N, C-alpha and C. Protein backbone atom coordinates (compact mmCIF):
# COMPACT_ATOMS: atom_id res chain seq x y z
N MET A 1 0.82 -1.20 0.00
CA MET A 1 0.00 0.00 0.00
C MET A 1 0.86 1.26 0.00
N ILE A 2 1.99 1.19 0.72
CA ILE A 2 2.84 2.39 0.79
C ILE A 2 4.17 2.21 0.06
N ASP A 3 4.37 1.07 -0.58
CA ASP A 3 5.66 0.82 -1.24
C ASP A 3 5.98 1.87 -2.29
N ALA A 4 4.96 2.23 -3.09
CA ALA A 4 5.20 3.18 -4.18
C ALA A 4 5.64 4.53 -3.65
N ARG A 5 5.15 4.91 -2.46
CA ARG A 5 5.54 6.18 -1.87
C ARG A 5 6.88 6.08 -1.14
N LEU A 6 7.16 4.90 -0.58
CA LEU A 6 8.40 4.73 0.16
C LEU A 6 9.61 4.61 -0.74
N ARG A 7 9.45 3.97 -1.89
CA ARG A 7 10.60 3.70 -2.75
C ARG A 7 11.35 4.98 -3.14
N PRO A 8 10.67 6.03 -3.60
CA PRO A 8 11.43 7.26 -3.93
C PRO A 8 12.08 7.89 -2.71
N VAL A 9 11.41 7.79 -1.55
CA VAL A 9 11.95 8.39 -0.33
C VAL A 9 13.21 7.67 0.13
N LEU A 10 13.20 6.34 0.01
CA LEU A 10 14.32 5.53 0.50
C LEU A 10 15.39 5.30 -0.55
N ALA A 11 15.11 5.65 -1.80
CA ALA A 11 16.04 5.33 -2.89
C ALA A 11 17.43 5.89 -2.63
N GLY A 12 17.52 7.15 -2.22
CA GLY A 12 18.83 7.76 -1.99
C GLY A 12 19.58 7.06 -0.87
N THR A 13 18.87 6.75 0.22
CA THR A 13 19.51 6.05 1.34
C THR A 13 20.00 4.68 0.93
N MET A 14 19.19 3.94 0.18
CA MET A 14 19.58 2.61 -0.25
C MET A 14 20.77 2.67 -1.20
N ASP A 15 20.80 3.67 -2.05
CA ASP A 15 21.95 3.84 -2.95
C ASP A 15 23.23 4.13 -2.15
N GLN A 16 23.10 4.94 -1.10
CA GLN A 16 24.26 5.24 -0.26
C GLN A 16 24.75 4.00 0.48
N LEU A 17 23.81 3.21 0.97
CA LEU A 17 24.19 1.96 1.65
C LEU A 17 24.83 0.99 0.67
N ALA A 18 24.29 0.93 -0.56
CA ALA A 18 24.88 0.07 -1.57
C ALA A 18 26.31 0.49 -1.87
N ALA A 19 26.55 1.80 -1.91
CA ALA A 19 27.91 2.29 -2.14
C ALA A 19 28.82 1.91 -0.97
N ALA A 20 28.27 1.93 0.26
CA ALA A 20 29.06 1.61 1.43
C ALA A 20 29.48 0.14 1.47
N VAL A 21 28.63 -0.74 0.94
CA VAL A 21 28.96 -2.18 0.97
C VAL A 21 29.58 -2.65 -0.34
N ASP A 22 29.82 -1.71 -1.25
CA ASP A 22 30.37 -2.08 -2.56
C ASP A 22 31.84 -2.43 -2.42
N ARG A 23 32.08 -3.68 -2.10
CA ARG A 23 33.43 -4.20 -1.97
C ARG A 23 33.57 -5.39 -2.92
N GLN A 24 34.80 -5.76 -3.22
CA GLN A 24 35.04 -6.81 -4.19
C GLN A 24 34.38 -8.13 -3.79
N TRP A 25 34.39 -8.41 -2.49
CA TRP A 25 33.85 -9.69 -2.03
C TRP A 25 32.35 -9.65 -1.78
N VAL A 26 31.73 -8.48 -1.96
CA VAL A 26 30.27 -8.36 -1.81
C VAL A 26 29.66 -8.26 -3.19
N SER A 27 28.76 -9.16 -3.51
CA SER A 27 28.07 -9.13 -4.79
C SER A 27 26.57 -9.12 -4.56
N PRO A 28 25.77 -8.70 -5.55
CA PRO A 28 24.32 -8.75 -5.39
C PRO A 28 23.83 -10.17 -5.08
N ALA A 29 24.41 -11.17 -5.73
CA ALA A 29 23.98 -12.55 -5.48
C ALA A 29 24.28 -12.95 -4.03
N ARG A 30 25.41 -12.51 -3.51
CA ARG A 30 25.74 -12.84 -2.12
C ARG A 30 24.82 -12.11 -1.14
N LEU A 31 24.41 -10.90 -1.49
CA LEU A 31 23.44 -10.20 -0.65
C LEU A 31 22.10 -10.92 -0.66
N THR A 32 21.69 -11.40 -1.83
CA THR A 32 20.45 -12.17 -1.91
C THR A 32 20.56 -13.42 -1.05
N ALA A 33 21.70 -14.12 -1.15
CA ALA A 33 21.91 -15.33 -0.36
C ALA A 33 21.94 -15.01 1.13
N ALA A 34 22.56 -13.88 1.49
CA ALA A 34 22.60 -13.47 2.90
C ALA A 34 21.20 -13.18 3.42
N GLY A 35 20.40 -12.50 2.60
CA GLY A 35 19.02 -12.22 2.99
C GLY A 35 18.24 -13.50 3.21
N LEU A 36 18.45 -14.47 2.33
CA LEU A 36 17.77 -15.77 2.48
C LEU A 36 18.24 -16.47 3.74
N ALA A 37 19.55 -16.54 3.95
CA ALA A 37 20.09 -17.26 5.11
C ALA A 37 19.63 -16.61 6.42
N LEU A 38 19.68 -15.28 6.47
CA LEU A 38 19.26 -14.58 7.68
C LEU A 38 17.76 -14.72 7.90
N GLY A 39 16.99 -14.72 6.81
CA GLY A 39 15.56 -14.91 6.95
C GLY A 39 15.22 -16.28 7.49
N LEU A 40 15.93 -17.30 7.02
CA LEU A 40 15.70 -18.65 7.53
C LEU A 40 16.17 -18.77 8.98
N ALA A 41 17.27 -18.07 9.31
CA ALA A 41 17.72 -18.05 10.71
C ALA A 41 16.68 -17.38 11.60
N ALA A 42 16.08 -16.31 11.10
CA ALA A 42 15.01 -15.64 11.85
C ALA A 42 13.83 -16.57 12.06
N SER A 43 13.51 -17.35 11.04
CA SER A 43 12.41 -18.31 11.15
C SER A 43 12.71 -19.37 12.21
N ALA A 44 13.95 -19.86 12.22
CA ALA A 44 14.34 -20.86 13.21
C ALA A 44 14.31 -20.27 14.62
N ALA A 45 14.77 -19.02 14.75
CA ALA A 45 14.75 -18.36 16.06
C ALA A 45 13.31 -18.18 16.54
N ALA A 46 12.42 -17.81 15.63
CA ALA A 46 11.01 -17.67 16.00
C ALA A 46 10.42 -19.00 16.45
N ALA A 47 10.77 -20.06 15.74
CA ALA A 47 10.27 -21.39 16.10
C ALA A 47 10.75 -21.79 17.50
N ALA A 48 11.94 -21.33 17.87
CA ALA A 48 12.49 -21.63 19.20
C ALA A 48 11.97 -20.68 20.28
N GLY A 49 11.21 -19.66 19.86
CA GLY A 49 10.71 -18.69 20.82
C GLY A 49 11.72 -17.63 21.20
N TRP A 50 12.78 -17.48 20.42
CA TRP A 50 13.80 -16.45 20.68
C TRP A 50 13.40 -15.20 19.89
N TRP A 51 12.50 -14.43 20.45
CA TRP A 51 11.83 -13.40 19.67
C TRP A 51 12.73 -12.22 19.33
N TRP A 52 13.61 -11.78 20.23
CA TRP A 52 14.47 -10.66 19.91
C TRP A 52 15.51 -11.03 18.86
N PRO A 53 16.19 -12.18 18.99
CA PRO A 53 17.08 -12.58 17.90
C PRO A 53 16.34 -12.76 16.58
N ALA A 54 15.12 -13.27 16.66
CA ALA A 54 14.33 -13.44 15.43
C ALA A 54 14.05 -12.09 14.78
N LEU A 55 13.71 -11.10 15.61
CA LEU A 55 13.42 -9.77 15.08
C LEU A 55 14.65 -9.15 14.42
N VAL A 56 15.80 -9.25 15.10
CA VAL A 56 17.02 -8.66 14.55
C VAL A 56 17.40 -9.35 13.24
N ALA A 57 17.37 -10.68 13.23
CA ALA A 57 17.73 -11.41 12.01
C ALA A 57 16.75 -11.10 10.89
N TRP A 58 15.47 -10.97 11.23
CA TRP A 58 14.46 -10.65 10.22
C TRP A 58 14.73 -9.29 9.58
N LEU A 59 14.98 -8.28 10.41
CA LEU A 59 15.18 -6.93 9.87
C LEU A 59 16.47 -6.84 9.07
N VAL A 60 17.53 -7.48 9.54
CA VAL A 60 18.79 -7.45 8.79
C VAL A 60 18.63 -8.20 7.47
N SER A 61 17.85 -9.28 7.49
CA SER A 61 17.63 -10.03 6.24
C SER A 61 16.89 -9.18 5.23
N ARG A 62 15.95 -8.36 5.69
CA ARG A 62 15.20 -7.51 4.76
C ARG A 62 16.09 -6.36 4.26
N LEU A 63 17.03 -5.93 5.09
CA LEU A 63 17.97 -4.91 4.63
C LEU A 63 18.85 -5.47 3.53
N ALA A 64 19.37 -6.69 3.74
CA ALA A 64 20.20 -7.33 2.70
C ALA A 64 19.39 -7.52 1.43
N ASP A 65 18.12 -7.90 1.59
CA ASP A 65 17.26 -8.09 0.41
C ASP A 65 17.05 -6.77 -0.33
N GLY A 66 16.97 -5.68 0.42
CA GLY A 66 16.76 -4.39 -0.22
C GLY A 66 17.99 -3.81 -0.89
N LEU A 67 19.17 -4.34 -0.57
CA LEU A 67 20.41 -3.78 -1.11
C LEU A 67 20.90 -4.49 -2.37
N ASP A 68 20.42 -5.72 -2.63
CA ASP A 68 20.97 -6.44 -3.78
C ASP A 68 20.65 -5.75 -5.10
N GLY A 69 19.42 -5.22 -5.22
CA GLY A 69 19.06 -4.51 -6.44
C GLY A 69 19.85 -3.23 -6.65
N PRO A 70 19.90 -2.32 -5.64
CA PRO A 70 20.70 -1.10 -5.81
C PRO A 70 22.17 -1.38 -6.12
N LEU A 71 22.74 -2.43 -5.50
CA LEU A 71 24.14 -2.74 -5.77
C LEU A 71 24.31 -3.23 -7.21
N ALA A 72 23.37 -4.07 -7.68
CA ALA A 72 23.45 -4.57 -9.06
C ALA A 72 23.33 -3.42 -10.05
N ARG A 73 22.43 -2.48 -9.79
CA ARG A 73 22.28 -1.34 -10.69
C ARG A 73 23.50 -0.42 -10.62
N ARG A 74 24.07 -0.28 -9.45
CA ARG A 74 25.28 0.53 -9.30
C ARG A 74 26.41 -0.03 -10.15
N ARG A 75 26.52 -1.35 -10.19
CA ARG A 75 27.58 -2.00 -10.95
C ARG A 75 27.21 -2.26 -12.40
N GLY A 76 25.95 -2.03 -12.75
CA GLY A 76 25.50 -2.31 -14.11
C GLY A 76 25.39 -3.79 -14.39
N THR A 77 25.12 -4.59 -13.35
CA THR A 77 25.04 -6.04 -13.51
C THR A 77 23.65 -6.59 -13.25
N ALA A 78 22.64 -5.71 -13.18
CA ALA A 78 21.28 -6.21 -12.96
C ALA A 78 20.89 -7.17 -14.08
N SER A 79 20.26 -8.27 -13.72
CA SER A 79 19.95 -9.31 -14.71
C SER A 79 18.64 -10.00 -14.37
N PRO A 80 18.00 -10.64 -15.37
CA PRO A 80 16.80 -11.42 -15.09
C PRO A 80 17.03 -12.52 -14.06
N LEU A 81 18.22 -13.14 -14.09
CA LEU A 81 18.52 -14.20 -13.12
C LEU A 81 18.53 -13.63 -11.70
N GLY A 82 19.12 -12.46 -11.54
CA GLY A 82 19.14 -11.84 -10.22
C GLY A 82 17.73 -11.55 -9.72
N GLY A 83 16.88 -11.05 -10.60
CA GLY A 83 15.50 -10.78 -10.22
C GLY A 83 14.76 -12.06 -9.85
N PHE A 84 15.02 -13.13 -10.61
CA PHE A 84 14.39 -14.42 -10.33
C PHE A 84 14.80 -14.93 -8.96
N LEU A 85 16.10 -14.93 -8.68
CA LEU A 85 16.59 -15.45 -7.40
C LEU A 85 16.08 -14.60 -6.24
N ASP A 86 15.97 -13.31 -6.46
CA ASP A 86 15.49 -12.41 -5.41
C ASP A 86 14.06 -12.73 -5.03
N ILE A 87 13.18 -12.92 -6.00
CA ILE A 87 11.78 -13.17 -5.68
C ILE A 87 11.60 -14.55 -5.07
N VAL A 88 12.39 -15.55 -5.52
CA VAL A 88 12.31 -16.88 -4.92
C VAL A 88 12.74 -16.81 -3.45
N ALA A 89 13.82 -16.08 -3.19
CA ALA A 89 14.29 -15.93 -1.81
C ALA A 89 13.24 -15.23 -0.95
N ASP A 90 12.61 -14.19 -1.49
CA ASP A 90 11.59 -13.47 -0.73
C ASP A 90 10.42 -14.38 -0.36
N PHE A 91 9.91 -15.10 -1.32
CA PHE A 91 8.76 -15.96 -1.05
C PHE A 91 9.13 -17.06 -0.05
N THR A 92 10.35 -17.58 -0.16
CA THR A 92 10.79 -18.61 0.76
C THR A 92 10.84 -18.08 2.19
N VAL A 93 11.42 -16.90 2.35
CA VAL A 93 11.57 -16.32 3.68
C VAL A 93 10.22 -15.95 4.27
N TYR A 94 9.34 -15.36 3.48
CA TYR A 94 8.02 -14.99 4.00
C TYR A 94 7.28 -16.21 4.54
N GLY A 95 7.24 -17.27 3.75
CA GLY A 95 6.53 -18.47 4.19
C GLY A 95 7.20 -19.13 5.37
N ALA A 96 8.53 -19.22 5.35
CA ALA A 96 9.25 -19.86 6.44
C ALA A 96 9.07 -19.10 7.75
N PHE A 97 9.03 -17.78 7.67
CA PHE A 97 8.90 -17.01 8.91
C PHE A 97 7.53 -17.22 9.54
N VAL A 98 6.49 -17.25 8.73
CA VAL A 98 5.15 -17.52 9.27
C VAL A 98 5.12 -18.91 9.91
N ALA A 99 5.73 -19.90 9.25
CA ALA A 99 5.79 -21.24 9.81
C ALA A 99 6.56 -21.25 11.13
N GLY A 100 7.67 -20.50 11.18
CA GLY A 100 8.44 -20.42 12.41
C GLY A 100 7.65 -19.83 13.56
N VAL A 101 6.92 -18.76 13.28
CA VAL A 101 6.09 -18.13 14.31
C VAL A 101 5.01 -19.11 14.77
N ALA A 102 4.41 -19.83 13.84
CA ALA A 102 3.37 -20.78 14.20
C ALA A 102 3.89 -21.84 15.16
N VAL A 103 5.13 -22.26 14.97
CA VAL A 103 5.74 -23.24 15.87
C VAL A 103 6.10 -22.62 17.21
N GLY A 104 6.56 -21.37 17.18
CA GLY A 104 7.09 -20.74 18.38
C GLY A 104 6.05 -20.24 19.37
N VAL A 105 4.85 -19.95 18.90
CA VAL A 105 3.83 -19.41 19.81
C VAL A 105 3.02 -20.56 20.41
N ASP A 106 2.45 -20.27 21.57
CA ASP A 106 1.66 -21.28 22.27
C ASP A 106 0.18 -21.08 21.97
N THR A 107 -0.15 -21.08 20.69
CA THR A 107 -1.53 -20.90 20.25
C THR A 107 -1.81 -21.85 19.09
N PRO A 108 -3.09 -22.08 18.74
CA PRO A 108 -3.39 -22.94 17.59
C PRO A 108 -2.76 -22.41 16.31
N ALA A 109 -2.44 -23.32 15.42
CA ALA A 109 -1.75 -22.95 14.18
C ALA A 109 -2.71 -22.48 13.09
N THR A 110 -4.01 -22.57 13.32
CA THR A 110 -4.99 -22.27 12.26
C THR A 110 -4.79 -20.90 11.61
N PRO A 111 -4.64 -19.81 12.38
CA PRO A 111 -4.50 -18.50 11.71
C PRO A 111 -3.26 -18.43 10.83
N PHE A 112 -2.20 -19.12 11.21
CA PHE A 112 -0.98 -19.09 10.42
C PHE A 112 -1.12 -19.93 9.15
N LEU A 113 -1.87 -21.02 9.26
CA LEU A 113 -2.14 -21.82 8.06
C LEU A 113 -2.99 -21.03 7.08
N VAL A 114 -3.99 -20.31 7.59
CA VAL A 114 -4.83 -19.49 6.72
C VAL A 114 -3.98 -18.39 6.08
N LEU A 115 -3.08 -17.79 6.86
CA LEU A 115 -2.21 -16.75 6.32
C LEU A 115 -1.34 -17.30 5.20
N LEU A 116 -0.80 -18.50 5.37
CA LEU A 116 0.02 -19.09 4.32
C LEU A 116 -0.78 -19.33 3.05
N VAL A 117 -2.05 -19.72 3.20
CA VAL A 117 -2.90 -19.90 2.02
C VAL A 117 -3.11 -18.58 1.30
N THR A 118 -3.35 -17.50 2.06
CA THR A 118 -3.55 -16.19 1.41
C THR A 118 -2.25 -15.74 0.74
N TYR A 119 -1.10 -16.02 1.36
CA TYR A 119 0.17 -15.71 0.70
C TYR A 119 0.29 -16.46 -0.62
N TYR A 120 -0.11 -17.71 -0.61
CA TYR A 120 -0.02 -18.55 -1.81
C TYR A 120 -0.89 -17.97 -2.93
N VAL A 121 -2.13 -17.63 -2.61
CA VAL A 121 -3.04 -17.09 -3.62
C VAL A 121 -2.57 -15.73 -4.11
N ASN A 122 -2.15 -14.89 -3.18
CA ASN A 122 -1.67 -13.55 -3.55
C ASN A 122 -0.43 -13.64 -4.43
N GLY A 123 0.50 -14.53 -4.06
CA GLY A 123 1.70 -14.70 -4.87
C GLY A 123 1.39 -15.25 -6.25
N ALA A 124 0.43 -16.19 -6.30
CA ALA A 124 0.05 -16.75 -7.59
C ALA A 124 -0.54 -15.68 -8.50
N ALA A 125 -1.39 -14.82 -7.94
CA ALA A 125 -1.99 -13.75 -8.74
C ALA A 125 -0.92 -12.79 -9.24
N LEU A 126 0.03 -12.45 -8.38
CA LEU A 126 1.10 -11.53 -8.75
C LEU A 126 1.97 -12.10 -9.86
N LEU A 127 2.43 -13.33 -9.69
CA LEU A 127 3.35 -13.92 -10.64
C LEU A 127 2.67 -14.25 -11.97
N ALA A 128 1.43 -14.72 -11.90
CA ALA A 128 0.72 -15.04 -13.15
C ALA A 128 0.50 -13.78 -13.97
N TYR A 129 0.05 -12.70 -13.31
CA TYR A 129 -0.16 -11.45 -14.05
C TYR A 129 1.16 -10.93 -14.60
N SER A 130 2.21 -10.99 -13.80
CA SER A 130 3.51 -10.48 -14.25
C SER A 130 3.98 -11.21 -15.50
N SER A 131 3.81 -12.53 -15.52
CA SER A 131 4.24 -13.31 -16.68
C SER A 131 3.45 -12.93 -17.93
N ILE A 132 2.14 -12.79 -17.78
CA ILE A 132 1.30 -12.46 -18.93
C ILE A 132 1.56 -11.02 -19.39
N ALA A 133 1.70 -10.10 -18.43
CA ALA A 133 1.97 -8.71 -18.78
C ALA A 133 3.29 -8.57 -19.52
N GLU A 134 4.28 -9.36 -19.11
CA GLU A 134 5.57 -9.34 -19.80
C GLU A 134 5.40 -9.79 -21.25
N ARG A 135 4.62 -10.85 -21.44
CA ARG A 135 4.41 -11.39 -22.79
C ARG A 135 3.66 -10.38 -23.66
N LEU A 136 2.78 -9.58 -23.03
CA LEU A 136 2.01 -8.59 -23.78
C LEU A 136 2.79 -7.29 -24.00
N GLY A 137 3.99 -7.21 -23.44
CA GLY A 137 4.83 -6.03 -23.63
C GLY A 137 4.43 -4.84 -22.81
N ARG A 138 3.78 -5.06 -21.67
CA ARG A 138 3.39 -3.92 -20.82
C ARG A 138 4.59 -3.38 -20.06
N GLU A 139 4.57 -2.07 -19.81
CA GLU A 139 5.65 -1.44 -19.05
C GLU A 139 5.53 -1.82 -17.59
N ARG A 140 6.69 -2.07 -16.95
CA ARG A 140 6.69 -2.44 -15.54
C ARG A 140 6.40 -1.25 -14.63
N GLY A 141 6.86 -0.08 -15.01
CA GLY A 141 6.62 1.11 -14.19
C GLY A 141 7.76 1.46 -13.25
N ASP A 142 8.69 0.52 -13.01
CA ASP A 142 9.86 0.81 -12.20
C ASP A 142 10.97 -0.15 -12.59
N GLU A 143 12.07 -0.14 -11.79
CA GLU A 143 13.25 -0.91 -12.18
C GLU A 143 13.19 -2.37 -11.76
N ARG A 144 12.14 -2.79 -11.07
CA ARG A 144 12.08 -4.16 -10.60
C ARG A 144 11.86 -5.14 -11.74
N SER A 145 12.16 -6.41 -11.47
CA SER A 145 12.15 -7.43 -12.52
C SER A 145 10.75 -7.91 -12.87
N LEU A 146 9.78 -7.66 -12.00
CA LEU A 146 8.42 -8.14 -12.22
C LEU A 146 7.45 -6.97 -12.31
N HIS A 147 6.27 -7.26 -12.86
CA HIS A 147 5.17 -6.30 -12.86
C HIS A 147 4.48 -6.42 -11.50
N PHE A 148 4.72 -5.48 -10.60
CA PHE A 148 4.12 -5.53 -9.27
C PHE A 148 2.83 -4.73 -9.26
N LEU A 149 1.74 -5.40 -8.91
CA LEU A 149 0.46 -4.73 -8.76
C LEU A 149 0.33 -4.27 -7.32
N GLY A 150 -0.08 -3.03 -7.14
CA GLY A 150 -0.24 -2.50 -5.80
C GLY A 150 -1.40 -3.14 -5.06
N GLY A 151 -1.44 -2.92 -3.78
CA GLY A 151 -2.51 -3.46 -2.95
C GLY A 151 -2.27 -3.12 -1.50
N TRP A 152 -3.15 -3.57 -0.64
CA TRP A 152 -3.01 -3.26 0.78
C TRP A 152 -1.78 -3.92 1.39
N ALA A 153 -1.46 -5.13 0.95
CA ALA A 153 -0.35 -5.89 1.53
C ALA A 153 0.82 -5.91 0.56
N GLU A 154 1.83 -5.14 0.85
CA GLU A 154 3.04 -5.10 0.02
C GLU A 154 4.25 -5.34 0.91
N GLY A 155 5.43 -5.05 0.41
CA GLY A 155 6.65 -5.39 1.13
C GLY A 155 6.77 -4.70 2.47
N ALA A 156 6.54 -3.39 2.52
CA ALA A 156 6.71 -2.64 3.76
C ALA A 156 5.76 -3.14 4.83
N GLU A 157 4.52 -3.39 4.45
CA GLU A 157 3.54 -3.88 5.42
C GLU A 157 3.91 -5.28 5.92
N THR A 158 4.43 -6.11 5.02
CA THR A 158 4.83 -7.46 5.42
C THR A 158 5.97 -7.41 6.43
N ILE A 159 6.95 -6.56 6.18
CA ILE A 159 8.06 -6.41 7.12
C ILE A 159 7.54 -5.96 8.49
N ALA A 160 6.62 -5.00 8.49
CA ALA A 160 6.09 -4.47 9.74
C ALA A 160 5.30 -5.54 10.51
N VAL A 161 4.44 -6.27 9.82
CA VAL A 161 3.61 -7.28 10.50
C VAL A 161 4.46 -8.42 11.02
N HIS A 162 5.42 -8.88 10.24
CA HIS A 162 6.29 -9.96 10.72
C HIS A 162 7.11 -9.48 11.92
N SER A 163 7.46 -8.21 11.95
CA SER A 163 8.13 -7.67 13.13
C SER A 163 7.20 -7.67 14.34
N LEU A 164 5.93 -7.37 14.12
CA LEU A 164 4.96 -7.40 15.21
C LEU A 164 4.83 -8.80 15.81
N PHE A 165 4.94 -9.82 14.97
CA PHE A 165 4.90 -11.19 15.50
C PHE A 165 5.95 -11.37 16.59
N CYS A 166 7.14 -10.79 16.37
CA CYS A 166 8.24 -10.92 17.33
C CYS A 166 8.05 -10.01 18.54
N LEU A 167 7.52 -8.83 18.31
CA LEU A 167 7.33 -7.88 19.40
C LEU A 167 6.15 -8.25 20.29
N LEU A 168 5.14 -8.87 19.69
CA LEU A 168 3.91 -9.20 20.44
C LEU A 168 3.52 -10.67 20.20
N PRO A 169 4.40 -11.60 20.57
CA PRO A 169 4.08 -13.01 20.29
C PRO A 169 2.84 -13.51 21.01
N GLY A 170 2.47 -12.87 22.13
CA GLY A 170 1.28 -13.29 22.86
C GLY A 170 0.00 -13.08 22.10
N VAL A 171 0.01 -12.15 21.13
CA VAL A 171 -1.19 -11.92 20.32
C VAL A 171 -0.90 -12.18 18.84
N ALA A 172 0.07 -13.06 18.59
CA ALA A 172 0.43 -13.36 17.19
C ALA A 172 -0.73 -13.97 16.43
N GLY A 173 -1.55 -14.78 17.10
CA GLY A 173 -2.70 -15.39 16.42
C GLY A 173 -3.67 -14.36 15.88
N PRO A 174 -4.17 -13.44 16.72
CA PRO A 174 -5.05 -12.39 16.19
C PRO A 174 -4.39 -11.53 15.12
N ILE A 175 -3.09 -11.24 15.29
CA ILE A 175 -2.39 -10.48 14.25
C ILE A 175 -2.41 -11.24 12.94
N ALA A 176 -2.18 -12.57 13.00
CA ALA A 176 -2.19 -13.39 11.79
C ALA A 176 -3.56 -13.39 11.14
N TRP A 177 -4.62 -13.47 11.94
CA TRP A 177 -5.97 -13.42 11.37
C TRP A 177 -6.20 -12.10 10.64
N GLY A 178 -5.85 -10.99 11.29
CA GLY A 178 -6.05 -9.69 10.65
C GLY A 178 -5.21 -9.52 9.41
N TRP A 179 -3.96 -9.96 9.46
CA TRP A 179 -3.08 -9.83 8.31
C TRP A 179 -3.53 -10.73 7.17
N ALA A 180 -4.04 -11.91 7.50
CA ALA A 180 -4.56 -12.82 6.47
C ALA A 180 -5.71 -12.15 5.73
N ALA A 181 -6.55 -11.43 6.46
CA ALA A 181 -7.66 -10.73 5.81
C ALA A 181 -7.15 -9.65 4.87
N VAL A 182 -6.13 -8.92 5.29
CA VAL A 182 -5.55 -7.88 4.45
C VAL A 182 -4.93 -8.48 3.19
N VAL A 183 -4.18 -9.58 3.37
CA VAL A 183 -3.55 -10.23 2.22
C VAL A 183 -4.62 -10.78 1.27
N ALA A 184 -5.71 -11.31 1.82
CA ALA A 184 -6.79 -11.83 0.98
C ALA A 184 -7.42 -10.70 0.16
N VAL A 185 -7.60 -9.54 0.77
CA VAL A 185 -8.14 -8.39 0.03
C VAL A 185 -7.17 -7.99 -1.08
N THR A 186 -5.89 -8.00 -0.78
CA THR A 186 -4.89 -7.65 -1.79
C THR A 186 -4.93 -8.64 -2.95
N ALA A 187 -5.07 -9.92 -2.64
CA ALA A 187 -5.19 -10.92 -3.71
C ALA A 187 -6.41 -10.62 -4.56
N GLY A 188 -7.52 -10.26 -3.92
CA GLY A 188 -8.71 -9.91 -4.67
C GLY A 188 -8.50 -8.68 -5.54
N GLN A 189 -7.79 -7.68 -5.01
CA GLN A 189 -7.49 -6.49 -5.80
C GLN A 189 -6.67 -6.85 -7.04
N ARG A 190 -5.70 -7.71 -6.87
CA ARG A 190 -4.83 -8.07 -7.99
C ARG A 190 -5.57 -8.91 -9.01
N VAL A 191 -6.42 -9.82 -8.55
CA VAL A 191 -7.22 -10.61 -9.49
C VAL A 191 -8.17 -9.70 -10.26
N ALA A 192 -8.82 -8.77 -9.56
CA ALA A 192 -9.75 -7.86 -10.23
C ALA A 192 -9.04 -7.00 -11.25
N HIS A 193 -7.85 -6.49 -10.89
CA HIS A 193 -7.08 -5.69 -11.84
C HIS A 193 -6.70 -6.52 -13.06
N ALA A 194 -6.26 -7.74 -12.83
CA ALA A 194 -5.86 -8.59 -13.94
C ALA A 194 -7.04 -8.90 -14.85
N VAL A 195 -8.18 -9.23 -14.26
CA VAL A 195 -9.36 -9.54 -15.06
C VAL A 195 -9.76 -8.32 -15.90
N ARG A 196 -9.74 -7.16 -15.28
CA ARG A 196 -10.14 -5.94 -16.00
C ARG A 196 -9.18 -5.62 -17.14
N THR A 197 -7.89 -5.59 -16.85
CA THR A 197 -6.92 -5.18 -17.88
C THR A 197 -6.77 -6.24 -18.97
N LEU A 198 -6.77 -7.50 -18.59
CA LEU A 198 -6.61 -8.55 -19.60
C LEU A 198 -7.86 -8.72 -20.43
N SER A 199 -9.03 -8.43 -19.85
CA SER A 199 -10.27 -8.45 -20.64
C SER A 199 -10.26 -7.34 -21.68
N GLU A 200 -9.74 -6.16 -21.27
CA GLU A 200 -9.63 -5.06 -22.23
C GLU A 200 -8.68 -5.42 -23.36
N THR A 201 -7.61 -6.12 -23.04
CA THR A 201 -6.66 -6.55 -24.06
C THR A 201 -7.31 -7.52 -25.02
N ALA A 202 -8.12 -8.42 -24.49
CA ALA A 202 -8.79 -9.43 -25.32
C ALA A 202 -9.80 -8.78 -26.26
N ARG A 203 -10.45 -7.69 -25.80
CA ARG A 203 -11.45 -7.02 -26.64
C ARG A 203 -10.85 -6.08 -27.67
N ARG A 204 -9.58 -5.72 -27.47
CA ARG A 204 -8.93 -4.77 -28.36
C ARG A 204 -8.74 -5.39 -29.74
N PRO A 205 -9.15 -4.71 -30.80
CA PRO A 205 -9.02 -5.28 -32.14
C PRO A 205 -7.56 -5.47 -32.53
N THR A 206 -7.28 -6.55 -33.19
CA THR A 206 -5.92 -6.84 -33.66
C THR A 206 -5.60 -5.99 -34.87
N PRO A 207 -4.48 -5.26 -34.87
CA PRO A 207 -4.15 -4.38 -36.03
C PRO A 207 -3.84 -5.21 -37.26
């Protein structure tokens, strides 16, 4: 919901951080791998009930994830493979962290299972539309590798809610229920947008 407004605000800071970590032994692929490894470590810490270490590892993993793109663009090495690996790592970490929280809290797992289902549907809508939009030659609108459709649940909100799981594990279940509802609405928004735009494409006369 706020990603489009945050990206221009944070772009300068992220570029400065990318310049600060621009060393020979640091590559965009290694930053992606670090984000994945730290995200999985955060998931394991959450499963063990180590909420503060989980929070720190989670936030640092998202920072590493946010720096791989700026570093690749700084070096002129941005590639489709990098974008592919980045999105796979993101989806892996998001799902693993929810699973870790579900194990770590002393509450029924139902809200977390429902949340994972909404993540699955939302991700499917995003990736399916992105693939078709790419084939139709639509403009992405920014430098990212995929066509990202806006909605209530985007990257910034996901980072914030997953942080809340660590800060307020006693109410993680209700948080998961509320967040699942938001993600479900976002999936609906993306499906509706895809149906509308792709229907217009289908009705458009072929030149």
